[in-house]
Every structure is written in C-alpha cells, then in structure tokens.
Amino acid sequence: MHDWARVIDPPGRFGETLYAYALLQGDAAWVAAVDAFLDAARADGTLARAAARHGLTPILLR
C-alpha cells in the first residue's frame, strides 16, 4: 500500500505473530462462520492467492 514498505523474505522460521479479528463476544454462530470461511480459504488456495497478490507469501503460515 506504500512505496516505502517492503516485505522481507525471512531466512527461515523464527517465530510466529498472532493475528486476530474482532467479533461480538458471545456470538458463537458468527465466530463459527468466520472460522469456516478461513478454513475454506486455506483449503482451496484462496488465502494463498490473496497473500501472493499482495506480496505477503513469505509471511504466510503453512
């Protein structure tokens, strides 16, 4: 999104950064829907394609 920002390909795995999304507390159905979407996006390659499109493949956990 910015010309000055670059993703630097790590030399190897050296740690994990946790990512999160905010959801209304107690809305188990919505949490399940979001989790199902993310599982499907990982399984069918949508997440990997989105990461590649935005130059984020080096930081994508596999």
PDB file of N, CA and C in Angstrom:
ATOM      1  N   MET A   1       0.809  -1.188   0.000  1.00  0.00           N
ATOM      2  CA  MET A   1       0.000   0.000   0.000  1.00  0.00           C
ATOM      3  C   MET A   1       0.859   1.261   0.000  1.00  0.00           C
ATOM      4  N   HIS A   2       2.123   1.130   0.386  1.00  0.00           N
ATOM      5  CA  HIS A   2       3.016   2.281   0.437  1.00  0.00           C
ATOM      6  C   HIS A   2       4.313   1.941  -0.285  1.00  0.00           C
ATOM      7  N   ASP A   3       4.853   2.885  -1.021  1.00  0.00           N
ATOM      8  CA  ASP A   3       6.084   2.654  -1.767  1.00  0.00           C
ATOM      9  C   ASP A   3       7.265   2.318  -0.866  1.00  0.00           C
ATOM     10  N   TRP A   4       7.267   2.864   0.354  1.00  0.00           N
ATOM     11  CA  TRP A   4       8.405   2.689   1.244  1.00  0.00           C
ATOM     12  C   TRP A   4       8.363   1.380   2.030  1.00  0.00           C
ATOM     13  N   ALA A   5       7.252   0.680   2.012  1.00  0.00           N
ATOM     14  CA  ALA A   5       7.114  -0.553   2.793  1.00  0.00           C
ATOM     15  C   ALA A   5       7.434  -1.767   1.921  1.00  0.00           C
ATOM     16  N   ARG A   6       8.194  -2.688   2.464  1.00  0.00           N
ATOM     17  CA  ARG A   6       8.556  -3.910   1.751  1.00  0.00           C
ATOM     18  C   ARG A   6       8.450  -5.098   2.702  1.00  0.00           C
ATOM     19  N   VAL A   7       8.032  -6.250   2.179  1.00  0.00           N
ATOM     20  CA  VAL A   7       8.081  -7.486   2.945  1.00  0.00           C
ATOM     21  C   VAL A   7       9.443  -8.098   2.682  1.00  0.00           C
ATOM     22  N   ILE A   8      10.155  -8.395   3.734  1.00  0.00           N
ATOM     23  CA  ILE A   8      11.479  -9.006   3.612  1.00  0.00           C
ATOM     24  C   ILE A   8      11.324 -10.499   3.827  1.00  0.00           C
ATOM     25  N   ASP A   9      11.736 -11.285   2.863  1.00  0.00           N
ATOM     26  CA  ASP A   9      11.627 -12.733   2.944  1.00  0.00           C
ATOM     27  C   ASP A   9      12.502 -13.238   4.084  1.00  0.00           C
ATOM     28  N   PRO A  10      11.914 -13.876   5.098  1.00  0.00           N
ATOM     29  CA  PRO A  10      12.716 -14.343   6.220  1.00  0.00           C
ATOM     30  C   PRO A  10      13.635 -15.490   5.806  1.00  0.00           C
ATOM     31  N   PRO A  11      14.788 -15.599   6.442  1.00  0.00           N
ATOM     32  CA  PRO A  11      15.725 -16.665   6.101  1.00  0.00           C
ATOM     33  C   PRO A  11      15.226 -18.037   6.537  1.00  0.00           C
ATOM     34  N   GLY A  12      14.283 -18.065   7.394  1.00  0.00           N
ATOM     35  CA  GLY A  12      13.700 -19.303   7.907  1.00  0.00           C
ATOM     36  C   GLY A  12      12.672 -18.940   8.953  1.00  0.00           C
ATOM     37  N   ARG A  13      12.062 -19.942   9.501  1.00  0.00           N
ATOM     38  CA  ARG A  13      11.049 -19.679  10.518  1.00  0.00           C
ATOM     39  C   ARG A  13      11.738 -19.261  11.815  1.00  0.00           C
ATOM     40  N   PHE A  14      11.332 -18.146  12.357  1.00  0.00           N
ATOM     41  CA  PHE A  14      11.975 -17.668  13.575  1.00  0.00           C
ATOM     42  C   PHE A  14      10.979 -17.221  14.632  1.00  0.00           C
ATOM     43  N   GLY A  15       9.731 -17.436  14.405  1.00  0.00           N
ATOM     44  CA  GLY A  15       8.715 -17.078  15.383  1.00  0.00           C
ATOM     45  C   GLY A  15       7.373 -16.926  14.708  1.00  0.00           C
ATOM     46  N   GLU A  16       6.381 -16.701  15.509  1.00  0.00           N
ATOM     47  CA  GLU A  16       5.041 -16.522  14.969  1.00  0.00           C
ATOM     48  C   GLU A  16       4.450 -15.221  15.479  1.00  0.00           C
ATOM     49  N   THR A  17       3.682 -14.578  14.636  1.00  0.00           N
ATOM     50  CA  THR A  17       2.923 -13.404  15.017  1.00  0.00           C
ATOM     51  C   THR A  17       1.460 -13.798  14.970  1.00  0.00           C
ATOM     52  N   LEU A  18       0.782 -13.608  16.058  1.00  0.00           N
ATOM     53  CA  LEU A  18      -0.633 -13.960  16.097  1.00  0.00           C
ATOM     54  C   LEU A  18      -1.458 -12.843  15.471  1.00  0.00           C
ATOM     55  N   TYR A  19      -2.401 -13.225  14.650  1.00  0.00           N
ATOM     56  CA  TYR A  19      -3.326 -12.290  14.041  1.00  0.00           C
ATOM     57  C   TYR A  19      -4.697 -12.547  14.638  1.00  0.00           C
ATOM     58  N   ALA A  20      -5.507 -11.527  14.686  1.00  0.00           N
ATOM     59  CA  ALA A  20      -6.829 -11.696  15.277  1.00  0.00           C
ATOM     60  C   ALA A  20      -7.847 -10.848  14.531  1.00  0.00           C
ATOM     61  N   TYR A  21      -9.094 -11.131  14.773  1.00  0.00           N
ATOM     62  CA  TYR A  21     -10.183 -10.318  14.258  1.00  0.00           C
ATOM     63  C   TYR A  21     -11.173 -10.107  15.391  1.00  0.00           C
ATOM     64  N   ALA A  22     -11.764  -8.957  15.408  1.00  0.00           N
ATOM     65  CA  ALA A  22     -12.694  -8.605  16.489  1.00  0.00           C
ATOM     66  C   ALA A  22     -14.106  -9.041  16.115  1.00  0.00           C
ATOM     67  N   LEU A  23     -14.726  -9.739  17.039  1.00  0.00           N
ATOM     68  CA  LEU A  23     -16.098 -10.187  16.853  1.00  0.00           C
ATOM     69  C   LEU A  23     -16.870  -9.906  18.138  1.00  0.00           C
ATOM     70  N   LEU A  24     -18.149  -9.789  18.013  1.00  0.00           N
ATOM     71  CA  LEU A  24     -19.001  -9.559  19.165  1.00  0.00           C
ATOM     72  C   LEU A  24     -18.916 -10.753  20.114  1.00  0.00           C
ATOM     73  N   GLN A  25     -18.598 -10.487  21.357  1.00  0.00           N
ATOM     74  CA  GLN A  25     -18.486 -11.542  22.350  1.00  0.00           C
ATOM     75  C   GLN A  25     -19.811 -12.292  22.492  1.00  0.00           C
ATOM     76  N   GLY A  26     -19.718 -13.605  22.514  1.00  0.00           N
ATOM     77  CA  GLY A  26     -20.901 -14.433  22.701  1.00  0.00           C
ATOM     78  C   GLY A  26     -21.642 -14.792  21.430  1.00  0.00           C
ATOM     79  N   ASP A  27     -21.174 -14.302  20.280  1.00  0.00           N
ATOM     80  CA  ASP A  27     -21.850 -14.608  19.011  1.00  0.00           C
ATOM     81  C   ASP A  27     -21.190 -15.839  18.382  1.00  0.00           C
ATOM     82  N   ALA A  28     -21.452 -16.993  18.976  1.00  0.00           N
ATOM     83  CA  ALA A  28     -20.811 -18.232  18.554  1.00  0.00           C
ATOM     84  C   ALA A  28     -21.097 -18.575  17.090  1.00  0.00           C
ATOM     85  N   ALA A  29     -22.279 -18.265  16.608  1.00  0.00           N
ATOM     86  CA  ALA A  29     -22.621 -18.573  15.215  1.00  0.00           C
ATOM     87  C   ALA A  29     -21.755 -17.775  14.255  1.00  0.00           C
ATOM     88  N   TRP A  30     -21.509 -16.507  14.557  1.00  0.00           N
ATOM     89  CA  TRP A  30     -20.687 -15.673  13.678  1.00  0.00           C
ATOM     90  C   TRP A  30     -19.228 -16.110  13.743  1.00  0.00           C
ATOM     91  N   VAL A  31     -18.738 -16.441  14.929  1.00  0.00           N
ATOM     92  CA  VAL A  31     -17.367 -16.948  15.080  1.00  0.00           C
ATOM     93  C   VAL A  31     -17.205 -18.223  14.243  1.00  0.00           C
ATOM     94  N   ALA A  32     -18.170 -19.111  14.306  1.00  0.00           N
ATOM     95  CA  ALA A  32     -18.119 -20.349  13.537  1.00  0.00           C
ATOM     96  C   ALA A  32     -18.124 -20.066  12.040  1.00  0.00           C
ATOM     97  N   ALA A  33     -18.927 -19.092  11.604  1.00  0.00           N
ATOM     98  CA  ALA A  33     -18.986 -18.745  10.178  1.00  0.00           C
ATOM     99  C   ALA A  33     -17.654 -18.170   9.697  1.00  0.00           C
ATOM    100  N   VAL A  34     -17.053 -17.292  10.490  1.00  0.00           N
ATOM    101  CA  VAL A  34     -15.761 -16.702  10.116  1.00  0.00           C
ATOM    102  C   VAL A  34     -14.683 -17.792  10.090  1.00  0.00           C
ATOM    103  N   ASP A  35     -14.654 -18.652  11.111  1.00  0.00           N
ATOM    104  CA  ASP A  35     -13.677 -19.742  11.144  1.00  0.00           C
ATOM    105  C   ASP A  35     -13.853 -20.685   9.952  1.00  0.00           C
ATOM    106  N   ALA A  36     -15.099 -20.986   9.596  1.00  0.00           N
ATOM    107  CA  ALA A  36     -15.361 -21.859   8.443  1.00  0.00           C
ATOM    108  C   ALA A  36     -14.878 -21.207   7.149  1.00  0.00           C
ATOM    109  N   PHE A  37     -15.099 -19.892   7.020  1.00  0.00           N
ATOM    110  CA  PHE A  37     -14.623 -19.179   5.836  1.00  0.00           C
ATOM    111  C   PHE A  37     -13.104 -19.270   5.741  1.00  0.00           C
ATOM    112  N   LEU A  38     -12.425 -19.020   6.857  1.00  0.00           N
ATOM    113  CA  LEU A  38     -10.963 -19.069   6.841  1.00  0.00           C
ATOM    114  C   LEU A  38     -10.449 -20.474   6.545  1.00  0.00           C
ATOM    115  N   ASP A  39     -11.070 -21.488   7.115  1.00  0.00           N
ATOM    116  CA  ASP A  39     -10.679 -22.873   6.821  1.00  0.00           C
ATOM    117  C   ASP A  39     -10.838 -23.173   5.334  1.00  0.00           C
ATOM    118  N   ALA A  40     -11.966 -22.753   4.759  1.00  0.00           N
ATOM    119  CA  ALA A  40     -12.215 -22.988   3.329  1.00  0.00           C
ATOM    120  C   ALA A  40     -11.224 -22.213   2.467  1.00  0.00           C
ATOM    121  N   ALA A  41     -10.908 -20.970   2.853  1.00  0.00           N
ATOM    122  CA  ALA A  41      -9.964 -20.148   2.086  1.00  0.00           C
ATOM    123  C   ALA A  41      -8.566 -20.756   2.113  1.00  0.00           C
ATOM    124  N   ARG A  42      -8.194 -21.347   3.226  1.00  0.00           N
ATOM    125  CA  ARG A  42      -6.899 -22.040   3.298  1.00  0.00           C
ATOM    126  C   ARG A  42      -6.932 -23.293   2.425  1.00  0.00           C
ATOM    127  N   ALA A  43      -7.994 -24.066   2.543  1.00  0.00           N
ATOM    128  CA  ALA A  43      -8.090 -25.351   1.857  1.00  0.00           C
ATOM    129  C   ALA A  43      -8.133 -25.218   0.338  1.00  0.00           C
ATOM    130  N   ASP A  44      -8.848 -24.219  -0.180  1.00  0.00           N
ATOM    131  CA  ASP A  44      -8.991 -24.115  -1.638  1.00  0.00           C
ATOM    132  C   ASP A  44      -7.961 -23.189  -2.293  1.00  0.00           C
ATOM    133  N   GLY A  45      -7.055 -22.637  -1.494  1.00  0.00           N
ATOM    134  CA  GLY A  45      -5.986 -21.808  -2.046  1.00  0.00           C
ATOM    135  C   GLY A  45      -6.310 -20.323  -2.135  1.00  0.00           C
ATOM    136  N   THR A  46      -7.517 -19.922  -1.750  1.00  0.00           N
ATOM    137  CA  THR A  46      -7.891 -18.507  -1.820  1.00  0.00           C
ATOM    138  C   THR A  46      -6.970 -17.650  -0.966  1.00  0.00           C
ATOM    139  N   LEU A  47      -6.657 -18.109   0.243  1.00  0.00           N
ATOM    140  CA  LEU A  47      -5.790 -17.341   1.133  1.00  0.00           C
ATOM    141  C   LEU A  47      -4.389 -17.198   0.540  1.00  0.00           C
ATOM    142  N   ALA A  48      -3.847 -18.270  -0.005  1.00  0.00           N
ATOM    143  CA  ALA A  48      -2.510 -18.223  -0.614  1.00  0.00           C
ATOM    144  C   ALA A  48      -2.489 -17.281  -1.826  1.00  0.00           C
ATOM    145  N   ARG A  49      -3.544 -17.312  -2.635  1.00  0.00           N
ATOM    146  CA  ARG A  49      -3.602 -16.414  -3.793  1.00  0.00           C
ATOM    147  C   ARG A  49      -3.691 -14.953  -3.353  1.00  0.00           C
ATOM    148  N   ALA A  50      -4.474 -14.678  -2.321  1.00  0.00           N
ATOM    149  CA  ALA A  50      -4.587 -13.309  -1.816  1.00  0.00           C
ATOM    150  C   ALA A  50      -3.244 -12.847  -1.256  1.00  0.00           C
ATOM    151  N   ALA A  51      -2.562 -13.726  -0.533  1.00  0.00           N
ATOM    152  CA  ALA A  51      -1.243 -13.383   0.005  1.00  0.00           C
ATOM    153  C   ALA A  51      -0.276 -13.075  -1.133  1.00  0.00           C
ATOM    154  N   ALA A  52      -0.281 -13.890  -2.172  1.00  0.00           N
ATOM    155  CA  ALA A  52       0.610 -13.672  -3.313  1.00  0.00           C
ATOM    156  C   ALA A  52       0.297 -12.352  -4.014  1.00  0.00           C
ATOM    157  N   ARG A  53      -0.972 -12.056  -4.187  1.00  0.00           N
ATOM    158  CA  ARG A  53      -1.388 -10.828  -4.861  1.00  0.00           C
ATOM    159  C   ARG A  53      -0.895  -9.587  -4.119  1.00  0.00           C
ATOM    160  N   HIS A  54      -0.764  -9.690  -2.810  1.00  0.00           N
ATOM    161  CA  HIS A  54      -0.355  -8.537  -2.006  1.00  0.00           C
ATOM    162  C   HIS A  54       1.081  -8.640  -1.498  1.00  0.00           C
ATOM    163  N   GLY A  55       1.846  -9.578  -2.062  1.00  0.00           N
ATOM    164  CA  GLY A  55       3.251  -9.710  -1.703  1.00  0.00           C
ATOM    165  C   GLY A  55       3.486 -10.226  -0.296  1.00  0.00           C
ATOM    166  N   LEU A  56       2.566 -11.022   0.222  1.00  0.00           N
ATOM    167  CA  LEU A  56       2.673 -11.496   1.603  1.00  0.00           C
ATOM    168  C   LEU A  56       2.970 -12.994   1.727  1.00  0.00           C
ATOM    169  N   THR A  57       3.272 -13.643   0.616  1.00  0.00           N
ATOM    170  CA  THR A  57       3.552 -15.074   0.666  1.00  0.00           C
ATOM    171  C   THR A  57       4.655 -15.438   1.663  1.00  0.00           C
ATOM    172  N   PRO A  58       5.736 -14.640   1.769  1.00  0.00           N
ATOM    173  CA  PRO A  58       6.797 -15.021   2.715  1.00  0.00           C
ATOM    174  C   PRO A  58       6.345 -15.106   4.168  1.00  0.00           C
ATOM    175  N   ILE A  59       5.271 -14.434   4.530  1.00  0.00           N
ATOM    176  CA  ILE A  59       4.854 -14.470   5.931  1.00  0.00           C
ATOM    177  C   ILE A  59       3.615 -15.339   6.144  1.00  0.00           C
ATOM    178  N   LEU A  60       3.182 -16.052   5.109  1.00  0.00           N
ATOM    179  CA  LEU A  60       2.006 -16.907   5.215  1.00  0.00           C
ATOM    180  C   LEU A  60       2.402 -18.204   5.929  1.00  0.00           C
ATOM    181  N   LEU A  61       1.713 -18.532   7.016  1.00  0.00           N
ATOM    182  CA  LEU A  61       1.976 -19.787   7.705  1.00  0.00           C
ATOM    183  C   LEU A  61       1.378 -20.917   6.914  1.00  0.00           C
ATOM    184  N   ARG A  62       2.083 -21.998   6.866  1.00  0.00           N
ATOM    185  CA  ARG A  62       1.604 -23.168   6.129  1.00  0.00           C
ATOM    186  C   ARG A  62       1.447 -24.331   7.059  1.00  0.00           C
TER     187      ARG A  62
END
